[in-house]
C-alpha atoms as a PDB file:
ATOM      1  CA  UNK A   1       0.000   0.000   0.000  1.00  0.00           C
ATOM      2  CA  UNK A   2       1.229   3.484  -0.851  1.00  0.00           C
ATOM      3  CA  UNK A   3       1.856   5.897   2.026  1.00  0.00           C
ATOM      4  CA  UNK A   4      -0.816   8.296   3.274  1.00  0.00           C
ATOM      5  CA  UNK A   5      -0.127  12.026   2.841  1.00  0.00           C
ATOM      6  CA  UNK A   6      -0.554  14.171   5.966  1.00  0.00           C
ATOM      7  CA  UNK A   7      -0.694  17.881   5.199  1.00  0.00           C
ATOM      8  CA  UNK A   8       0.853  20.130   7.830  1.00  0.00           C
ATOM      9  CA  UNK A   9      -2.053  22.603   7.970  1.00  0.00           C
ATOM     10  CA  UNK A  10      -1.464  26.252   8.774  1.00  0.00           C
ATOM     11  CA  UNK A  11       2.116  26.752  10.065  1.00  0.00           C
ATOM     12  CA  UNK A  12       0.765  29.195  12.646  1.00  0.00           C
ATOM     13  CA  UNK A  13      -1.826  26.740  13.968  1.00  0.00           C
ATOM     14  CA  UNK A  14      -1.726  23.486  15.906  1.00  0.00           C
ATOM     15  CA  UNK A  15      -1.271  21.250  12.837  1.00  0.00           C
ATOM     16  CA  UNK A  16       2.509  20.804  13.163  1.00  0.00           C
ATOM     17  CA  UNK A  17       2.172  20.163  16.903  1.00  0.00           C
ATOM     18  CA  UNK A  18      -0.429  17.436  16.607  1.00  0.00           C
ATOM     19  CA  UNK A  19       1.621  15.810  13.827  1.00  0.00           C
ATOM     20  CA  UNK A  20       4.616  15.650  16.161  1.00  0.00           C
ATOM     21  CA  UNK A  21       2.498  14.246  18.958  1.00  0.00           C
ATOM     22  CA  UNK A  22       0.928  11.671  16.657  1.00  0.00           C
ATOM     23  CA  UNK A  23       4.370  10.554  15.476  1.00  0.00           C
ATOM     24  CA  UNK A  24       5.355  10.172  19.137  1.00  0.00           C
ATOM     25  CA  UNK A  25       2.434   7.832  19.803  1.00  0.00           C
ATOM     26  CA  UNK A  26       2.784   4.079  20.127  1.00  0.00           C
ATOM     27  CA  UNK A  27       0.571   3.426  17.079  1.00  0.00           C
ATOM     28  CA  UNK A  28       2.241   5.788  14.630  1.00  0.00           C
ATOM     29  CA  UNK A  29       4.333   3.062  12.983  1.00  0.00           C
ATOM     30  CA  UNK A  30       1.264   0.987  12.102  1.00  0.00           C
ATOM     31  CA  UNK A  31       0.363   3.154   9.071  1.00  0.00           C
ATOM     32  CA  UNK A  32       2.866   4.361   6.451  1.00  0.00           C
ATOM     33  CA  UNK A  33       2.661   8.157   6.344  1.00  0.00           C
ATOM     34  CA  UNK A  34       4.530  11.028   4.757  1.00  0.00           C
ATOM     35  CA  UNK A  35       4.184  14.574   6.065  1.00  0.00           C
ATOM     36  CA  UNK A  36       3.576  17.006   3.214  1.00  0.00           C
ATOM     37  CA  UNK A  37       4.823  20.456   4.080  1.00  0.00           C
ATOM     38  CA  UNK A  38       7.850  22.229   5.442  1.00  0.00           C
ATOM     39  CA  UNK A  39      10.762  20.742   7.409  1.00  0.00           C
ATOM     40  CA  UNK A  40      11.631  24.150   8.884  1.00  0.00           C
ATOM     41  CA  UNK A  41       8.107  24.472  10.284  1.00  0.00           C
ATOM     42  CA  UNK A  42       8.266  21.016  11.848  1.00  0.00           C
ATOM     43  CA  UNK A  43      11.748  21.650  13.255  1.00  0.00           C
ATOM     44  CA  UNK A  44      10.597  24.974  14.705  1.00  0.00           C
ATOM     45  CA  UNK A  45       7.795  23.326  16.692  1.00  0.00           C
ATOM     46  CA  UNK A  46       9.922  20.314  17.643  1.00  0.00           C
ATOM     47  CA  UNK A  47      12.513  22.664  19.159  1.00  0.00           C
ATOM     48  CA  UNK A  48       9.879  24.832  20.818  1.00  0.00           C
ATOM     49  CA  UNK A  49       8.076  21.851  22.344  1.00  0.00           C
ATOM     50  CA  UNK A  50      11.301  19.944  23.060  1.00  0.00           C
ATOM     51  CA  UNK A  51      10.267  16.933  20.980  1.00  0.00           C
ATOM     52  CA  UNK A  52      13.235  15.046  19.553  1.00  0.00           C
ATOM     53  CA  UNK A  53      12.796  14.048  15.907  1.00  0.00           C
ATOM     54  CA  UNK A  54      14.892  13.811  12.768  1.00  0.00           C
ATOM     55  CA  UNK A  55      13.090  15.053   9.661  1.00  0.00           C
ATOM     56  CA  UNK A  56      14.126  13.237   6.501  1.00  0.00           C
ATOM     57  CA  UNK A  57      13.398  14.735   3.052  1.00  0.00           C
ATOM     58  CA  UNK A  58      11.331  12.176   1.138  1.00  0.00           C
ATOM     59  CA  UNK A  59      10.961  11.757  -2.599  1.00  0.00           C
ATOM     60  CA  UNK A  60       8.495   9.494  -4.434  1.00  0.00           C
ATOM     61  CA  UNK A  61       9.675   5.911  -4.535  1.00  0.00           C
ATOM     62  CA  UNK A  62      12.070   6.346  -1.613  1.00  0.00           C
ATOM     63  CA  UNK A  63      11.726   3.686   1.072  1.00  0.00           C
ATOM     64  CA  UNK A  64      10.069   4.989   4.221  1.00  0.00           C
ATOM     65  CA  UNK A  65      12.249   5.018   7.309  1.00  0.00           C
ATOM     66  CA  UNK A  66      11.048   2.634   9.976  1.00  0.00           C
ATOM     67  CA  UNK A  67      12.926   4.237  12.847  1.00  0.00           C
ATOM     68  CA  UNK A  68      10.774   5.749  15.564  1.00  0.00           C
ATOM     69  CA  UNK A  69      12.533   9.118  15.630  1.00  0.00           C
ATOM     70  CA  UNK A  70      12.596   9.774  11.881  1.00  0.00           C
ATOM     71  CA  UNK A  71       9.733  11.545  10.116  1.00  0.00           C
ATOM     72  CA  UNK A  72       9.655  11.490   6.278  1.00  0.00           C
ATOM     73  CA  UNK A  73       8.687  14.864   4.806  1.00  0.00           C
ATOM     74  CA  UNK A  74       7.655  15.582   1.222  1.00  0.00           C
ATOM     75  CA  UNK A  75       8.915  19.165   1.054  1.00  0.00           C
ATOM     76  CA  UNK A  76       6.563  21.625  -0.601  1.00  0.00           C
ATOM     77  CA  UNK A  77       7.959  24.858   0.874  1.00  0.00           C
ATOM     78  CA  UNK A  78      10.964  26.231   2.741  1.00  0.00           C
ATOM     79  CA  UNK A  79       9.919  28.952   5.167  1.00  0.00           C
ATOM     80  CA  UNK A  80      12.471  30.816   7.232  1.00  0.00           C
ATOM     81  CA  UNK A  81      12.115  29.791  10.869  1.00  0.00           C
ATOM     82  CA  UNK A  82      11.970  33.415  11.989  1.00  0.00           C
ATOM     83  CA  UNK A  83       8.853  33.872   9.802  1.00  0.00           C
ATOM     84  CA  UNK A  84       6.904  31.350  11.904  1.00  0.00           C
ATOM     85  CA  UNK A  85       4.887  32.904  14.749  1.00  0.00           C
ATOM     86  CA  UNK A  86       2.406  30.645  16.565  1.00  0.00           C
ATOM     87  CA  UNK A  87      -1.089  32.089  16.321  1.00  0.00           C
ATOM     88  CA  UNK A  88      -0.250  34.631  13.609  1.00  0.00           C
ATOM     89  CA  UNK A  89      -0.384  33.638   9.952  1.00  0.00           C
ATOM     90  CA  UNK A  90       1.127  35.634   7.099  1.00  0.00           C
ATOM     91  CA  UNK A  91       0.968  35.590   3.325  1.00  0.00           C
ATOM     92  CA  UNK A  92       4.106  33.420   3.252  1.00  0.00           C
ATOM     93  CA  UNK A  93       2.778  30.847   5.706  1.00  0.00           C
ATOM     94  CA  UNK A  94      -0.595  30.863   3.920  1.00  0.00           C
ATOM     95  CA  UNK A  95       0.994  30.102   0.555  1.00  0.00           C
ATOM     96  CA  UNK A  96       3.027  27.278   2.105  1.00  0.00           C
ATOM     97  CA  UNK A  97      -0.129  25.884   3.709  1.00  0.00           C
ATOM     98  CA  UNK A  98      -2.024  25.873   0.403  1.00  0.00           C
ATOM     99  CA  UNK A  99       0.865  24.399  -1.565  1.00  0.00           C
ATOM    100  CA  UNK A 100       0.920  21.353   0.723  1.00  0.00           C
ATOM    101  CA  UNK A 101      -2.749  20.722  -0.089  1.00  0.00           C
ATOM    102  CA  UNK A 102      -2.298  21.179  -3.843  1.00  0.00           C
ATOM    103  CA  UNK A 103       0.726  18.864  -4.059  1.00  0.00           C
ATOM    104  CA  UNK A 104      -0.864  16.210  -1.836  1.00  0.00           C
ATOM    105  CA  UNK A 105      -3.863  16.037  -4.157  1.00  0.00           C
ATOM    106  CA  UNK A 106      -1.563  15.938  -7.158  1.00  0.00           C
ATOM    107  CA  UNK A 107       0.489  13.225  -5.483  1.00  0.00           C
ATOM    108  CA  UNK A 108      -2.556  11.007  -5.110  1.00  0.00           C
ATOM    109  CA  UNK A 109      -3.460  11.451  -8.755  1.00  0.00           C
ATOM    110  CA  UNK A 110       0.140  10.652  -9.725  1.00  0.00           C
ATOM    111  CA  UNK A 111       0.137   7.442  -7.711  1.00  0.00           C
ATOM    112  CA  UNK A 112       2.520   8.702  -5.015  1.00  0.00           C
ATOM    113  CA  UNK A 113       0.047   8.562  -2.111  1.00  0.00           C
ATOM    114  CA  UNK A 114      -2.971   6.350  -1.437  1.00  0.00           C
ATOM    115  CA  UNK A 115      -4.965   9.221   0.103  1.00  0.00           C
ATOM    116  CA  UNK A 116      -4.655  12.287   2.281  1.00  0.00           C
ATOM    117  CA  UNK A 117      -5.406  13.420   5.803  1.00  0.00           C
ATOM    118  CA  UNK A 118      -5.434  17.174   6.317  1.00  0.00           C
ATOM    119  CA  UNK A 119      -4.484  19.190   9.368  1.00  0.00           C
ATOM    120  CA  UNK A 120      -6.484  22.358  10.039  1.00  0.00           C
ATOM    121  CA  UNK A 121      -6.370  25.567   8.044  1.00  0.00           C
ATOM    122  CA  UNK A 122      -8.263  28.815   8.451  1.00  0.00           C
ATOM    123  CA  UNK A 123     -10.567  30.225   5.798  1.00  0.00           C
ATOM    124  CA  UNK A 124      -8.978  33.659   6.144  1.00  0.00           C
ATOM    125  CA  UNK A 125      -5.496  32.249   5.627  1.00  0.00           C
ATOM    126  CA  UNK A 126      -6.690  30.299   2.586  1.00  0.00           C
ATOM    127  CA  UNK A 127      -7.962  33.534   1.012  1.00  0.00           C
ATOM    128  CA  UNK A 128      -4.615  35.194   1.731  1.00  0.00           C
ATOM    129  CA  UNK A 129      -2.818  32.375  -0.073  1.00  0.00           C
ATOM    130  CA  UNK A 130      -4.553  33.297  -3.332  1.00  0.00           C
ATOM    131  CA  UNK A 131      -6.881  30.283  -3.337  1.00  0.00           C
ATOM    132  CA  UNK A 132     -10.334  31.811  -3.055  1.00  0.00           C
ATOM    133  CA  UNK A 133     -12.454  28.951  -1.736  1.00  0.00           C
ATOM    134  CA  UNK A 134     -14.684  28.817   1.359  1.00  0.00           C
ATOM    135  CA  UNK A 135     -12.519  26.028   2.764  1.00  0.00           C
ATOM    136  CA  UNK A 136     -10.527  22.842   2.332  1.00  0.00           C
ATOM    137  CA  UNK A 137     -13.395  20.802   0.922  1.00  0.00           C
ATOM    138  CA  UNK A 138     -14.365  23.213  -1.832  1.00  0.00           C
ATOM    139  CA  UNK A 139     -10.701  23.661  -2.791  1.00  0.00           C
ATOM    140  CA  UNK A 140     -10.189  19.910  -3.133  1.00  0.00           C
ATOM    141  CA  UNK A 141     -13.407  19.550  -5.124  1.00  0.00           C
ATOM    142  CA  UNK A 142     -12.129  22.172  -7.570  1.00  0.00           C
ATOM    143  CA  UNK A 143      -8.701  20.525  -7.796  1.00  0.00           C
ATOM    144  CA  UNK A 144     -10.415  17.196  -8.533  1.00  0.00           C
ATOM    145  CA  UNK A 145     -12.834  18.787 -11.046  1.00  0.00           C
ATOM    146  CA  UNK A 146     -15.829  17.677  -9.005  1.00  0.00           C
ATOM    147  CA  UNK A 147     -18.923  19.891  -8.894  1.00  0.00           C
ATOM    148  CA  UNK A 148     -20.402  18.619  -5.642  1.00  0.00           C
ATOM    149  CA  UNK A 149     -19.233  16.787  -2.568  1.00  0.00           C
ATOM    150  CA  UNK A 150     -20.692  15.557   0.696  1.00  0.00           C
ATOM    151  CA  UNK A 151     -19.464  16.306   4.198  1.00  0.00           C
ATOM    152  CA  UNK A 152     -19.515  13.322   6.526  1.00  0.00           C
ATOM    153  CA  UNK A 153     -18.615  13.466  10.204  1.00  0.00           C
ATOM    154  CA  UNK A 154     -17.618  10.024  11.365  1.00  0.00           C
ATOM    155  CA  UNK A 155     -16.855   8.280  14.619  1.00  0.00           C
ATOM    156  CA  UNK A 156     -17.198   4.796  16.027  1.00  0.00           C
ATOM    157  CA  UNK A 157     -20.532   5.634  17.670  1.00  0.00           C
ATOM    158  CA  UNK A 158     -22.175   8.100  15.274  1.00  0.00           C
ATOM    159  CA  UNK A 159     -21.874   9.091  11.625  1.00  0.00           C
ATOM    160  CA  UNK A 160     -23.742  11.919   9.913  1.00  0.00           C
ATOM    161  CA  UNK A 161     -23.860  13.490   6.452  1.00  0.00           C
ATOM    162  CA  UNK A 162     -25.215  16.951   5.686  1.00  0.00           C
ATOM    163  CA  UNK A 163     -27.606  18.245   3.028  1.00  0.00           C
ATOM    164  CA  UNK A 164     -26.464  21.844   3.585  1.00  0.00           C
ATOM    165  CA  UNK A 165     -23.305  23.045   5.296  1.00  0.00           C
ATOM    166  CA  UNK A 166     -22.207  26.656   5.726  1.00  0.00           C
ATOM    167  CA  UNK A 167     -25.263  28.815   5.212  1.00  0.00           C
ATOM    168  CA  UNK A 168     -27.767  30.851   7.204  1.00  0.00           C
ATOM    169  CA  UNK A 169     -30.616  28.911   8.826  1.00  0.00           C
ATOM    170  CA  UNK A 170     -33.077  31.071   6.883  1.00  0.00           C
ATOM    171  CA  UNK A 171     -31.586  29.861   3.581  1.00  0.00           C
ATOM    172  CA  UNK A 172     -31.880  26.122   4.252  1.00  0.00           C
ATOM    173  CA  UNK A 173     -35.381  25.444   2.830  1.00  0.00           C
ATOM    174  CA  UNK A 174     -34.529  27.167  -0.447  1.00  0.00           C
ATOM    175  CA  UNK A 175     -31.261  25.230  -0.760  1.00  0.00           C
ATOM    176  CA  UNK A 176     -32.930  21.826  -0.466  1.00  0.00           C
ATOM    177  CA  UNK A 177     -34.078  20.199  -3.691  1.00  0.00           C
ATOM    178  CA  UNK A 178     -35.125  16.728  -4.687  1.00  0.00           C
ATOM    179  CA  UNK A 179     -32.143  16.302  -6.999  1.00  0.00           C
ATOM    180  CA  UNK A 180     -29.592  17.462  -4.428  1.00  0.00           C
ATOM    181  CA  UNK A 181     -31.118  15.247  -1.748  1.00  0.00           C
ATOM    182  CA  UNK A 182     -31.128  12.253  -4.077  1.00  0.00           C
ATOM    183  CA  UNK A 183     -27.444  12.824  -4.842  1.00  0.00           C
ATOM    184  CA  UNK A 184     -26.754  12.999  -1.105  1.00  0.00           C
ATOM    185  CA  UNK A 185     -28.663   9.765  -0.501  1.00  0.00           C
ATOM    186  CA  UNK A 186     -26.745   7.992  -3.295  1.00  0.00           C
ATOM    187  CA  UNK A 187     -23.316   9.246  -2.246  1.00  0.00           C
ATOM    188  CA  UNK A 188     -23.904   8.410   1.414  1.00  0.00           C
ATOM    189  CA  UNK A 189     -25.203   4.912   0.695  1.00  0.00           C
ATOM    190  CA  UNK A 190     -22.376   4.095  -1.721  1.00  0.00           C
ATOM    191  CA  UNK A 191     -19.723   5.395   0.688  1.00  0.00           C
ATOM    192  CA  UNK A 192     -20.971   3.266   3.567  1.00  0.00           C
ATOM    193  CA  UNK A 193     -20.782   0.234   1.314  1.00  0.00           C
ATOM    194  CA  UNK A 194     -17.467   0.966  -0.400  1.00  0.00           C
ATOM    195  CA  UNK A 195     -15.503   3.021   2.136  1.00  0.00           C
ATOM    196  CA  UNK A 196     -16.778   1.544   5.385  1.00  0.00           C
ATOM    197  CA  UNK A 197     -17.480  -2.001   4.186  1.00  0.00           C
ATOM    198  CA  UNK A 198     -21.101  -1.945   5.424  1.00  0.00           C
ATOM    199  CA  UNK A 199     -22.884  -4.138   2.888  1.00  0.00           C
ATOM    200  CA  UNK A 200     -26.453  -3.270   3.945  1.00  0.00           C
ATOM    201  CA  UNK A 201     -26.323   0.205   5.502  1.00  0.00           C
ATOM    202  CA  UNK A 202     -29.062   1.232   7.911  1.00  0.00           C
ATOM    203  CA  UNK A 203     -29.605   4.906   7.146  1.00  0.00           C
ATOM    204  CA  UNK A 204     -31.970   7.252   8.966  1.00  0.00           C
ATOM    205  CA  UNK A 205     -33.078  10.586   7.532  1.00  0.00           C
ATOM    206  CA  UNK A 206     -33.613  13.443   9.965  1.00  0.00           C
ATOM    207  CA  UNK A 207     -36.562  15.740   9.319  1.00  0.00           C
ATOM    208  CA  UNK A 208     -36.051  19.438   8.793  1.00  0.00           C
ATOM    209  CA  UNK A 209     -38.829  20.590  11.101  1.00  0.00           C
ATOM    210  CA  UNK A 210     -39.691  19.795  14.748  1.00  0.00           C
ATOM    211  CA  UNK A 211     -41.736  16.601  15.118  1.00  0.00           C
ATOM    212  CA  UNK A 212     -41.058  15.921  11.412  1.00  0.00           C
ATOM    213  CA  UNK A 213     -43.482  18.738  10.564  1.00  0.00           C
ATOM    214  CA  UNK A 214     -46.387  17.226  12.561  1.00  0.00           C
ATOM    215  CA  UNK A 215     -48.398  16.483   9.387  1.00  0.00           C
ATOM    216  CA  UNK A 216     -47.688  19.940   7.996  1.00  0.00           C
ATOM    217  CA  UNK A 217     -48.431  21.960  11.136  1.00  0.00           C
ATOM    218  CA  UNK A 218     -44.779  23.007  11.561  1.00  0.00           C
ATOM    219  CA  UNK A 219     -43.675  22.947   7.941  1.00  0.00           C
ATOM    220  CA  UNK A 220     -44.342  20.894   4.823  1.00  0.00           C
ATOM    221  CA  UNK A 221     -40.820  20.022   3.632  1.00  0.00           C
ATOM    222  CA  UNK A 222     -41.157  16.481   4.927  1.00  0.00           C
ATOM    223  CA  UNK A 223     -44.346  15.734   2.978  1.00  0.00           C
ATOM    224  CA  UNK A 224     -43.553  17.858  -0.047  1.00  0.00           C
ATOM    225  CA  UNK A 225     -39.850  17.169  -0.540  1.00  0.00           C
ATOM    226  CA  UNK A 226     -38.065  14.702   1.734  1.00  0.00           C
ATOM    227  CA  UNK A 227     -40.505  11.773   1.579  1.00  0.00           C
ATOM    228  CA  UNK A 228     -40.952  11.898  -2.221  1.00  0.00           C
ATOM    229  CA  UNK A 229     -37.175  11.967  -2.659  1.00  0.00           C
ATOM    230  CA  UNK A 230     -36.787   9.010  -0.315  1.00  0.00           C
ATOM    231  CA  UNK A 231     -39.232   7.148  -2.568  1.00  0.00           C
ATOM    232  CA  UNK A 232     -37.073   8.027  -5.575  1.00  0.00           C
ATOM    233  CA  UNK A 233     -34.099   6.562  -3.710  1.00  0.00           C
ATOM    234  CA  UNK A 234     -36.049   3.406  -2.842  1.00  0.00           C
ATOM    235  CA  UNK A 235     -36.770   2.893  -6.531  1.00  0.00           C
ATOM    236  CA  UNK A 236     -32.984   2.886  -7.019  1.00  0.00           C
ATOM    237  CA  UNK A 237     -32.534   0.214  -4.330  1.00  0.00           C
ATOM    238  CA  UNK A 238     -31.355   2.710  -1.719  1.00  0.00           C
ATOM    239  CA  UNK A 239     -33.355   1.870   1.426  1.00  0.00           C
ATOM    240  CA  UNK A 240     -33.798   4.775   3.826  1.00  0.00           C
ATOM    241  CA  UNK A 241     -35.874   5.202   6.961  1.00  0.00           C
ATOM    242  CA  UNK A 242     -37.623   8.332   8.180  1.00  0.00           C
ATOM    243  CA  UNK A 243     -37.832  11.238   8.079  1.00  0.00           C
ATOM    244  CA  UNK A 244     -37.580  11.104  11.856  1.00  0.00           C
ATOM    245  CA  UNK A 245     -37.956  13.912  14.399  1.00  0.00           C
ATOM    246  CA  UNK A 246     -34.455  15.252  15.027  1.00  0.00           C
ATOM    247  CA  UNK A 247     -34.892  15.226  18.805  1.00  0.00           C
ATOM    248  CA  UNK A 248     -34.989  11.413  18.960  1.00  0.00           C
ATOM    249  CA  UNK A 249     -33.153   9.967  15.987  1.00  0.00           C
ATOM    250  CA  UNK A 250     -29.611  10.689  17.162  1.00  0.00           C
ATOM    251  CA  UNK A 251     -30.197   8.846  20.428  1.00  0.00           C
ATOM    252  CA  UNK A 252     -31.313   5.789  18.473  1.00  0.00           C
ATOM    253  CA  UNK A 253     -28.383   6.018  16.065  1.00  0.00           C
ATOM    254  CA  UNK A 254     -25.859   6.387  18.883  1.00  0.00           C
ATOM    255  CA  UNK A 255     -27.416   3.307  20.495  1.00  0.00           C
ATOM    256  CA  UNK A 256     -26.602   1.322  17.366  1.00  0.00           C
ATOM    257  CA  UNK A 257     -29.953   1.165  15.577  1.00  0.00           C
ATOM    258  CA  UNK A 258     -28.605   3.021  12.512  1.00  0.00           C
ATOM    259  CA  UNK A 259     -25.231   3.255  10.816  1.00  0.00           C
ATOM    260  CA  UNK A 260     -25.679   6.906   9.874  1.00  0.00           C
ATOM    261  CA  UNK A 261     -28.087   9.842  10.045  1.00  0.00           C
ATOM    262  CA  UNK A 262     -28.599  12.106   7.031  1.00  0.00           C
ATOM    263  CA  UNK A 263     -29.130  15.645   8.316  1.00  0.00           C
ATOM    264  CA  UNK A 264     -30.704  18.654   6.693  1.00  0.00           C
ATOM    265  CA  UNK A 265     -28.306  21.297   8.031  1.00  0.00           C
ATOM    266  CA  UNK A 266     -24.955  21.825   9.727  1.00  0.00           C
ATOM    267  CA  UNK A 267     -25.800  22.210  13.405  1.00  0.00           C
ATOM    268  CA  UNK A 268     -28.530  19.573  13.290  1.00  0.00           C
ATOM    269  CA  UNK A 269     -25.840  16.978  12.706  1.00  0.00           C
ATOM    270  CA  UNK A 270     -22.774  18.493  14.312  1.00  0.00           C
ATOM    271  CA  UNK A 271     -24.227  19.279  17.733  1.00  0.00           C
ATOM    272  CA  UNK A 272     -25.071  15.639  18.580  1.00  0.00           C
ATOM    273  CA  UNK A 273     -21.948  14.435  16.778  1.00  0.00           C
ATOM    274  CA  UNK A 274     -19.604  16.654  18.766  1.00  0.00           C
ATOM    275  CA  UNK A 275     -21.325  15.797  22.021  1.00  0.00           C
ATOM    276  CA  UNK A 276     -20.145  12.243  21.413  1.00  0.00           C
ATOM    277  CA  UNK A 277     -17.007  12.676  19.311  1.00  0.00           C
ATOM    278  CA  UNK A 278     -15.578  16.041  20.323  1.00  0.00           C
ATOM    279  CA  UNK A 279     -12.052  14.630  20.738  1.00  0.00           C
ATOM    280  CA  UNK A 280     -11.974  11.880  18.133  1.00  0.00           C
ATOM    281  CA  UNK A 281     -14.338  12.964  15.359  1.00  0.00           C
ATOM    282  CA  UNK A 282     -13.244  12.748  11.727  1.00  0.00           C
ATOM    283  CA  UNK A 283     -14.328  14.882   8.781  1.00  0.00           C
ATOM    284  CA  UNK A 284     -14.590  12.727   5.635  1.00  0.00           C
ATOM    285  CA  UNK A 285     -15.169  14.262   2.211  1.00  0.00           C
ATOM    286  CA  UNK A 286     -17.379  12.037   0.066  1.00  0.00           C
ATOM    287  CA  UNK A 287     -17.834  12.362  -3.680  1.00  0.00           C
ATOM    288  CA  UNK A 288     -14.164  12.954  -4.523  1.00  0.00           C
ATOM    289  CA  UNK A 289     -12.111  10.590  -6.669  1.00  0.00           C
ATOM    290  CA  UNK A 290      -9.502  10.619  -3.879  1.00  0.00           C
ATOM    291  CA  UNK A 291      -9.609   9.611  -0.219  1.00  0.00           C
ATOM    292  CA  UNK A 292      -9.602  12.610   2.086  1.00  0.00           C
ATOM    293  CA  UNK A 293     -10.173  12.826   5.802  1.00  0.00           C
ATOM    294  CA  UNK A 294      -9.505  15.706   8.145  1.00  0.00           C
ATOM    295  CA  UNK A 295      -9.353  16.510  11.808  1.00  0.00           C
ATOM    296  CA  UNK A 296     -12.604  17.705  13.338  1.00  0.00           C
ATOM    297  CA  UNK A 297     -11.274  20.980  14.724  1.00  0.00           C
ATOM    298  CA  UNK A 298      -9.743  24.242  13.655  1.00  0.00           C
ATOM    299  CA  UNK A 299      -6.326  25.848  13.791  1.00  0.00           C
ATOM    300  CA  UNK A 300      -6.736  26.829  17.470  1.00  0.00           C
ATOM    301  CA  UNK A 301      -4.449  29.837  17.054  1.00  0.00           C
ATOM    302  CA  UNK A 302      -5.020  30.749  20.711  1.00  0.00           C
ATOM    303  CA  UNK A 303      -3.128  27.665  21.930  1.00  0.00           C
ATOM    304  CA  UNK A 304      -0.692  27.141  19.040  1.00  0.00           C
ATOM    305  CA  UNK A 305       2.856  26.416  20.153  1.00  0.00           C
ATOM    306  CA  UNK A 306       1.900  25.895  23.794  1.00  0.00           C
ATOM    307  CA  UNK A 307       2.132  22.115  23.786  1.00  0.00           C
ATOM    308  CA  UNK A 308      -1.456  21.533  24.924  1.00  0.00           C
ATOM    309  CA  UNK A 309      -3.161  20.534  21.633  1.00  0.00           C
ATOM    310  CA  UNK A 310      -4.535  16.989  21.497  1.00  0.00           C
ATOM    311  CA  UNK A 311      -3.667  14.673  18.575  1.00  0.00           C
ATOM    312  CA  UNK A 312      -6.742  12.459  19.180  1.00  0.00           C
ATOM    313  CA  UNK A 313      -8.712  13.655  16.143  1.00  0.00           C
ATOM    314  CA  UNK A 314      -5.645  13.403  13.894  1.00  0.00           C
ATOM    315  CA  UNK A 315      -4.986   9.875  15.069  1.00  0.00           C
ATOM    316  CA  UNK A 316      -8.601   8.911  14.302  1.00  0.00           C
ATOM    317  CA  UNK A 317      -8.501  10.690  10.921  1.00  0.00           C
ATOM    318  CA  UNK A 318      -5.302   8.919   9.850  1.00  0.00           C
ATOM    319  CA  UNK A 319      -6.659   5.542  10.912  1.00  0.00           C
ATOM    320  CA  UNK A 320      -9.941   6.126   9.065  1.00  0.00           C
ATOM    321  CA  UNK A 321      -8.277   7.420   5.888  1.00  0.00           C
ATOM    322  CA  UNK A 322      -6.021   4.384   5.670  1.00  0.00           C
ATOM    323  CA  UNK A 323      -8.931   2.051   6.339  1.00  0.00           C
ATOM    324  CA  UNK A 324     -10.920   3.663   3.512  1.00  0.00           C
ATOM    325  CA  UNK A 325      -7.923   3.330   1.191  1.00  0.00           C
ATOM    326  CA  UNK A 326      -7.729  -0.392   1.993  1.00  0.00           C
ATOM    327  CA  UNK A 327     -11.463  -0.861   1.471  1.00  0.00           C
ATOM    328  CA  UNK A 328     -11.402   0.982  -1.873  1.00  0.00           C
ATOM    329  CA  UNK A 329      -8.427  -1.083  -2.924  1.00  0.00           C
ATOM    330  CA  UNK A 330     -10.422  -4.245  -2.291  1.00  0.00           C
ATOM    331  CA  UNK A 331     -13.510  -3.033  -4.158  1.00  0.00           C
END
């Protein structure tokens, strides 16, 4: 199996720190990884946090070092160490951050990496880099020439996918359509089968309105839109259940009655998800031709360089990305 690319994230954030902590963990040798980014950035944080590592420049085809204290790095930038300030990004650090993402994606397409796991970036820093996308996911979709993608949040206990992501609550009803929901249903179902090796996924659909609209008293999206689209999916051999009242379905899913809940908007899915998986949640981008997972947290500029960031989400994201790569390889 090819190695997994781990992008360093924003050099001013906690990405480099959690990479170092992950590589210090007892399980880090189980999965072949290459850090994509900047050796000077990694050395800066290793010195600051007094973590002893040797960073080895890696080129495609080179054998990965198996020694515990050596980290292979696919160099995509060379920042001066005095340009790195924890918590404060610049145009130079932003460009380096973006270049690691671009070359990781290119590396997968070129057969260098099996997939990628991304450390956190900030939307503001991404704009400063010259890549004008709302975030990681949209940037990768553009690089892969994909028009739409699905955001999944995944953990051992709960998995959710989202019909809408970053938008105002007032905009949600107008953003939902039968075609977009059907695409979401298809992508989610196929991913559970192919990426997570669940042959007969049990998928619940959360309603948009309280009490699933209460027969139209609190909204008609369930009767007018969601149910008819679920019937379209059923005709394509995609079995779904619901739509269920949002105040009960997550409890049932977390108890093991469903493999995943399809949610109508961001906070509907992420509030229950983060209650359960705040430390070990994984962001998985579905609908791309490449495997991509990410940590379920931001750059945490306020604690960058202080040695207190947890690598738990990164560890889970790396494990899940590699597992998906293996499952896709078998398919």
